[in-house]
Amino acid sequence: MTKNNMQHFPLRLGDIAPDFQQQSTEGLISFHAWKTGKWAIFFSHPKNFTPVCTTELGEASRLKPEFDRRSVKVLGLSVDHLEDHKKWVGDIQETQGTALNFPLLADDDRKVSSLYDMIHPNANDTFTVRSVFIIDPQNKIRLILTYPASTGRNFTEILRVIDSLQMTDQFKVATPVNWKPGDDVIIVPSLQDLEELKKLFPKGYKTLKPYLRITPQPKG
């Protein structure tokens, strides 16, 4: 780890995701170079050969076409040796019906999990919690989720957040509670110019309150 890669914890939204080099099931990963120009989801696993992790890696592999469609690269991490990873890959394919199709970092030295504050000593001082980071093409952290080791992640929610982030980056909107792609969205309160509103939202909008204006989802 270089001095430039040192990060004060905790990592927060808007921070630059720390760069690193680490071995994986697909060879050496130089993180920023590996994801150049792409979004990324980076998520940790407490340990190899554990039941919840096996189902998560299978689901992420099944969903890889959805991540690809959104220009999102997928990267996993587990605090075990690379040789154990390679053995685990066979179990994932056997039990989940799909082969692992993205890199899984071997973090037996805890270098990357420490860099990303994935080990929470009051939960477990050896293994990582179930951390999720969504990182944009400029390497900024846009979402951080932390699950306990006993609870599997909801990848439908992760895809929903990616859809929201990508759309709201493009348009001057936000997504309301329980939003799903195709639902109405909220015009950001800072946008007040009437001519700009007509130009950006040709389908019109409904004003519930001056700060709460609903409009059909814009098309990218």
Protein backbone atom coordinates (compact mmCIF):
# COMPACT_ATOMS: atom_id res chain seq x y z
CA MET A 1 0.00 0.00 0.00
CA THR A 2 1.42 3.36 -0.99
CA LYS A 3 1.20 6.50 1.08
CA ASN A 4 -1.16 8.00 -1.48
CA ASN A 5 -3.58 5.14 -0.93
CA MET A 6 -3.88 5.64 2.83
CA GLN A 7 -7.37 6.60 3.90
CA HIS A 8 -8.73 7.94 7.17
CA PHE A 9 -11.73 5.98 8.36
CA PRO A 10 -14.59 5.90 8.10
CA LEU A 11 -15.02 6.02 4.35
CA ARG A 12 -17.91 8.29 3.45
CA LEU A 13 -20.09 9.03 0.46
CA GLY A 14 -18.21 11.20 -2.02
CA ASP A 15 -14.77 9.93 -0.93
CA ILE A 16 -12.45 8.55 -3.58
CA ALA A 17 -12.45 4.78 -3.25
CA PRO A 18 -8.94 3.74 -2.15
CA ASP A 19 -6.83 2.15 -4.87
CA PHE A 20 -5.06 -1.17 -4.31
CA GLN A 21 -3.37 -4.13 -5.99
CA GLN A 22 -4.43 -7.62 -4.90
CA GLN A 23 -4.55 -11.12 -6.32
CA SER A 24 -7.89 -12.54 -7.38
CA THR A 25 -9.43 -15.54 -9.09
CA GLU A 26 -8.80 -13.67 -12.38
CA GLY A 27 -5.25 -12.56 -11.64
CA LEU A 28 -3.77 -9.38 -10.18
CA ILE A 29 -6.33 -6.57 -9.81
CA SER A 30 -5.19 -2.95 -9.85
CA PHE A 31 -8.51 -1.54 -8.76
CA HIS A 32 -8.69 1.90 -10.38
CA ALA A 33 -7.13 0.66 -13.61
CA TRP A 34 -9.39 -2.41 -13.64
CA LYS A 35 -12.56 -0.32 -13.42
CA THR A 36 -11.46 2.65 -15.60
CA GLY A 37 -14.51 4.48 -16.94
CA LYS A 38 -16.98 2.08 -15.34
CA TRP A 39 -19.20 1.88 -12.32
CA ALA A 40 -18.35 -0.88 -9.85
CA ILE A 41 -19.96 -2.84 -7.07
CA PHE A 42 -17.40 -4.07 -4.54
CA PHE A 43 -18.64 -6.42 -1.82
CA SER A 44 -17.02 -8.49 0.91
CA HIS A 45 -17.61 -11.99 2.27
CA PRO A 46 -16.78 -13.04 5.83
CA LYS A 47 -15.21 -16.37 4.89
CA ASN A 48 -14.99 -19.02 2.20
CA PHE A 49 -17.20 -22.10 2.25
CA THR A 50 -20.00 -20.37 4.13
CA PRO A 51 -23.63 -20.89 3.11
CA VAL A 52 -24.90 -17.31 2.79
CA CYS A 53 -21.85 -16.18 0.81
CA THR A 54 -22.24 -19.11 -1.58
CA THR A 55 -25.80 -18.02 -2.43
CA GLU A 56 -24.74 -14.37 -2.84
CA LEU A 57 -21.92 -15.15 -5.24
CA GLY A 58 -24.26 -17.33 -7.26
CA GLU A 59 -26.87 -14.58 -7.46
CA ALA A 60 -24.31 -11.92 -8.43
CA SER A 61 -23.08 -14.24 -11.18
CA ARG A 62 -26.63 -14.80 -12.47
CA LEU A 63 -27.19 -11.05 -12.52
CA LYS A 64 -23.95 -10.21 -14.33
CA PRO A 65 -25.82 -9.47 -17.62
CA GLU A 66 -27.84 -6.86 -15.69
CA PHE A 67 -24.67 -5.31 -14.29
CA ASP A 68 -23.08 -5.37 -17.76
CA ARG A 69 -26.12 -3.59 -19.23
CA ARG A 70 -25.57 -0.80 -16.71
CA SER A 71 -21.81 -0.68 -17.38
CA VAL A 72 -21.09 -1.93 -13.85
CA LYS A 73 -18.13 -4.17 -13.01
CA VAL A 74 -18.47 -6.62 -10.13
CA LEU A 75 -15.73 -7.41 -7.62
CA GLY A 76 -15.92 -9.62 -4.55
CA LEU A 77 -13.56 -10.13 -1.63
CA SER A 78 -13.08 -12.88 0.94
CA VAL A 79 -10.45 -13.09 3.65
CA ASP A 80 -9.04 -16.45 2.57
CA HIS A 81 -6.27 -17.76 0.34
CA LEU A 82 -6.50 -17.85 -3.44
CA GLU A 83 -6.25 -21.65 -3.51
CA ASP A 84 -9.30 -21.85 -1.25
CA HIS A 85 -11.13 -19.46 -3.56
CA LYS A 86 -10.49 -21.76 -6.51
CA LYS A 87 -11.94 -24.72 -4.58
CA TRP A 88 -14.95 -22.69 -3.50
CA VAL A 89 -15.73 -21.72 -7.10
CA GLY A 90 -16.60 -25.37 -7.80
CA ASP A 91 -19.03 -25.46 -4.88
CA ILE A 92 -20.73 -22.28 -6.11
CA GLN A 93 -21.29 -23.74 -9.55
CA GLU A 94 -22.49 -27.07 -8.16
CA THR A 95 -24.98 -25.66 -5.65
CA GLN A 96 -26.12 -22.44 -7.37
CA GLY A 97 -26.18 -23.65 -10.96
CA THR A 98 -23.95 -20.89 -12.27
CA ALA A 99 -20.22 -20.36 -12.56
CA LEU A 100 -18.49 -17.44 -10.86
CA ASN A 101 -18.01 -14.90 -13.67
CA PHE A 102 -16.27 -11.99 -11.93
CA PRO A 103 -13.07 -11.68 -9.85
CA LEU A 104 -12.99 -12.63 -6.17
CA LEU A 105 -10.11 -11.00 -4.30
CA ALA A 106 -7.95 -13.16 -2.02
CA ASP A 107 -7.50 -10.97 1.05
CA ASP A 108 -5.84 -13.37 3.48
CA ASP A 109 -3.47 -10.57 4.56
CA ARG A 110 -6.50 -8.32 5.32
CA LYS A 111 -4.89 -5.50 3.36
CA VAL A 112 -7.92 -4.50 1.32
CA SER A 113 -10.52 -5.25 3.99
CA SER A 114 -8.58 -3.02 6.40
CA LEU A 115 -8.27 -0.29 3.77
CA TYR A 116 -12.06 -0.33 3.30
CA ASP A 117 -12.88 -0.77 7.01
CA MET A 118 -14.64 -4.08 6.34
CA ILE A 119 -13.61 -5.66 9.64
CA HIS A 120 -15.68 -4.45 12.60
CA PRO A 121 -14.05 -5.78 15.78
CA ASN A 122 -17.21 -5.60 17.89
CA ALA A 123 -18.90 -7.90 15.37
CA ASN A 124 -15.87 -10.10 14.63
CA ASP A 125 -12.21 -9.20 14.89
CA THR A 126 -11.13 -11.65 12.17
CA PHE A 127 -13.72 -11.75 9.41
CA THR A 128 -15.33 -9.00 7.36
CA VAL A 129 -18.91 -7.88 7.70
CA ARG A 130 -21.01 -7.89 4.51
CA SER A 131 -19.91 -4.54 3.10
CA VAL A 132 -21.20 -3.15 -0.19
CA PHE A 133 -19.70 -0.20 -2.04
CA ILE A 134 -21.10 1.29 -5.24
CA ILE A 135 -18.38 3.34 -6.93
CA ASP A 136 -18.88 5.61 -9.93
CA PRO A 137 -16.68 6.06 -13.03
CA GLN A 138 -14.77 8.88 -11.28
CA ASN A 139 -13.94 6.45 -8.43
CA LYS A 140 -16.23 8.25 -5.99
CA ILE A 141 -18.08 6.16 -3.42
CA ARG A 142 -21.80 6.63 -4.03
CA LEU A 143 -23.32 4.03 -1.70
CA ILE A 144 -22.17 2.14 1.40
CA LEU A 145 -24.21 -0.69 2.88
CA THR A 146 -23.22 -2.86 5.83
CA TYR A 147 -25.01 -6.11 6.58
CA PRO A 148 -24.38 -8.50 9.46
CA ALA A 149 -22.72 -11.80 8.59
CA SER A 150 -25.98 -13.70 9.10
CA THR A 151 -28.03 -11.68 6.58
CA GLY A 152 -27.70 -12.14 2.84
CA ARG A 153 -27.76 -9.06 0.64
CA ASN A 154 -30.67 -8.00 -1.58
CA PHE A 155 -29.24 -7.65 -5.08
CA THR A 156 -32.55 -6.36 -6.42
CA GLU A 157 -32.08 -3.36 -4.14
CA ILE A 158 -28.46 -2.93 -5.25
CA LEU A 159 -29.56 -2.81 -8.90
CA ARG A 160 -32.36 -0.37 -7.98
CA VAL A 161 -29.87 2.00 -6.34
CA ILE A 162 -27.58 1.82 -9.38
CA ASP A 163 -30.53 2.68 -11.65
CA SER A 164 -31.42 5.62 -9.41
CA LEU A 165 -27.86 6.93 -9.25
CA GLN A 166 -27.30 6.68 -12.99
CA MET A 167 -30.58 8.41 -13.81
CA THR A 168 -30.28 11.18 -11.21
CA ASP A 169 -26.74 11.89 -12.40
CA GLN A 170 -28.16 12.52 -15.88
CA PHE A 171 -31.30 14.47 -14.99
CA LYS A 172 -32.23 17.03 -12.32
CA VAL A 173 -34.40 14.61 -10.41
CA ALA A 174 -34.43 12.43 -7.30
CA THR A 175 -36.24 9.13 -6.73
CA PRO A 176 -39.01 8.86 -4.09
CA VAL A 177 -39.63 6.13 -1.54
CA ASN A 178 -39.87 2.62 -3.00
CA TRP A 179 -39.12 3.94 -6.49
CA LYS A 180 -38.61 1.40 -9.25
CA PRO A 181 -37.45 2.05 -12.84
CA GLY A 182 -40.35 3.48 -14.80
CA ASP A 183 -42.04 5.09 -11.79
CA ASP A 184 -42.55 8.83 -11.46
CA VAL A 185 -39.67 10.85 -10.03
CA ILE A 186 -39.22 14.09 -8.09
CA ILE A 187 -37.85 17.30 -9.60
CA VAL A 188 -35.03 18.65 -7.42
CA PRO A 189 -36.15 21.72 -5.40
CA SER A 190 -33.20 23.81 -6.61
CA LEU A 191 -34.63 23.85 -10.15
CA GLN A 192 -36.98 26.86 -10.28
CA ASP A 193 -36.59 28.39 -13.76
CA LEU A 194 -39.93 27.86 -15.55
CA GLU A 195 -38.43 27.79 -19.04
CA GLU A 196 -35.84 25.21 -18.00
CA LEU A 197 -38.58 23.13 -16.35
CA LYS A 198 -40.57 23.09 -19.61
CA LYS A 199 -37.49 22.13 -21.58
CA LEU A 200 -36.33 19.37 -19.22
CA PHE A 201 -39.77 17.91 -18.49
CA PRO A 202 -41.90 18.19 -21.65
CA LYS A 203 -44.48 15.75 -20.22
CA GLY A 204 -45.19 18.27 -17.47
CA TYR A 205 -45.24 17.85 -13.74
CA LYS A 206 -47.60 17.93 -10.77
CA THR A 207 -46.90 20.32 -7.90
CA LEU A 208 -47.95 18.85 -4.56
CA LYS A 209 -45.93 21.42 -2.62
CA PRO A 210 -43.46 24.02 -3.92
CA TYR A 211 -40.67 21.62 -2.90
CA LEU A 212 -42.46 18.43 -4.05
CA ARG A 213 -43.04 18.21 -7.80
CA ILE A 214 -43.74 14.87 -9.47
CA THR A 215 -42.94 14.10 -13.11
CA PRO A 216 -42.73 10.99 -15.32
CA GLN A 217 -39.28 9.42 -15.38
CA PRO A 218 -37.14 11.09 -18.07
CA LYS A 219 -35.75 8.87 -20.80
CA GLY A 220 -31.97 8.72 -21.18
